[in-house]
Amino acid sequence: MTFILWCILLILCWPLALMAVVLYPFVWLLLLPFRIVGIAVGGVLEFLRAIMMLPARALGSRR
């Protein structure tokens, strides 16, 4: 889907499409730390959820 949108942009305004291709790696590198933080926060929240559910799982309750 992204490629099709880029092709449409290439037809309509080719300088903007070429600029998007050039800038995409820089934007990806800029957003990489936020993705890493998101993965870490998600892991911590899943760990806390597992700790909170441990007594219920140990007693054998069903969902």
Protein backbone atom coordinates (compact mmCIF):
# COMPACT_ATOMS: atom_id res chain seq x y z
CA MET A 1 0.00 0.00 0.00
CA THR A 2 2.83 2.39 0.85
CA PHE A 3 4.53 1.68 -2.46
CA ILE A 4 1.34 2.43 -4.40
CA LEU A 5 0.94 5.73 -2.55
CA TRP A 6 4.56 6.57 -3.30
CA CYS A 7 4.02 5.81 -7.00
CA ILE A 8 1.02 8.14 -7.05
CA LEU A 9 3.12 10.82 -5.38
CA LEU A 10 5.87 10.21 -7.94
CA ILE A 11 3.40 10.85 -10.75
CA LEU A 12 1.86 13.93 -9.14
CA CYS A 13 4.96 15.59 -7.70
CA TRP A 14 8.24 13.82 -8.42
CA PRO A 15 10.53 16.19 -6.45
CA LEU A 16 8.53 15.54 -3.27
CA ALA A 17 8.62 11.78 -3.89
CA LEU A 18 12.40 11.81 -4.36
CA MET A 19 12.82 13.91 -1.23
CA ALA A 20 10.73 11.37 0.69
CA VAL A 21 12.97 8.54 -0.51
CA VAL A 22 16.11 10.43 0.53
CA LEU A 23 14.78 11.51 3.94
CA TYR A 24 13.19 8.18 4.92
CA PRO A 25 16.42 6.62 6.36
CA PHE A 26 17.11 9.73 8.45
CA VAL A 27 13.57 9.75 9.86
CA TRP A 28 13.86 6.02 10.61
CA LEU A 29 17.13 6.61 12.50
CA LEU A 30 15.59 9.53 14.38
CA LEU A 31 12.61 7.43 15.52
CA LEU A 32 14.66 4.33 16.43
CA PRO A 33 15.29 5.33 20.08
CA PHE A 34 11.55 5.84 20.60
CA ARG A 35 10.87 2.34 19.27
CA ILE A 36 13.48 0.87 21.62
CA VAL A 37 11.93 2.70 24.58
CA GLY A 38 8.49 1.46 23.53
CA ILE A 39 9.69 -2.14 23.43
CA ALA A 40 11.32 -1.76 26.86
CA VAL A 41 8.21 -0.19 28.41
CA GLY A 42 6.02 -2.88 26.88
CA GLY A 43 8.26 -5.55 28.35
CA VAL A 44 8.17 -3.98 31.82
CA LEU A 45 4.38 -3.68 31.72
CA GLU A 46 4.02 -7.30 30.60
CA PHE A 47 6.36 -8.37 33.43
CA LEU A 48 4.29 -6.44 35.99
CA ARG A 49 1.11 -7.99 34.60
CA ALA A 50 2.63 -11.45 34.95
CA ILE A 51 3.59 -10.73 38.58
CA MET A 52 0.08 -9.50 39.38
CA MET A 53 -1.52 -12.57 37.79
CA LEU A 54 0.84 -15.05 39.45
CA PRO A 55 -1.34 -15.75 42.54
CA ALA A 56 -4.40 -16.38 40.38
CA ARG A 57 -2.45 -18.71 38.10
CA ALA A 58 -0.95 -20.53 41.08
CA LEU A 59 -4.44 -21.18 42.48
CA GLY A 60 -5.57 -22.49 39.11
CA SER A 61 -8.29 -19.98 38.30
CA ARG A 62 -9.57 -19.87 34.74
CA ARG A 63 -10.13 -16.79 32.61
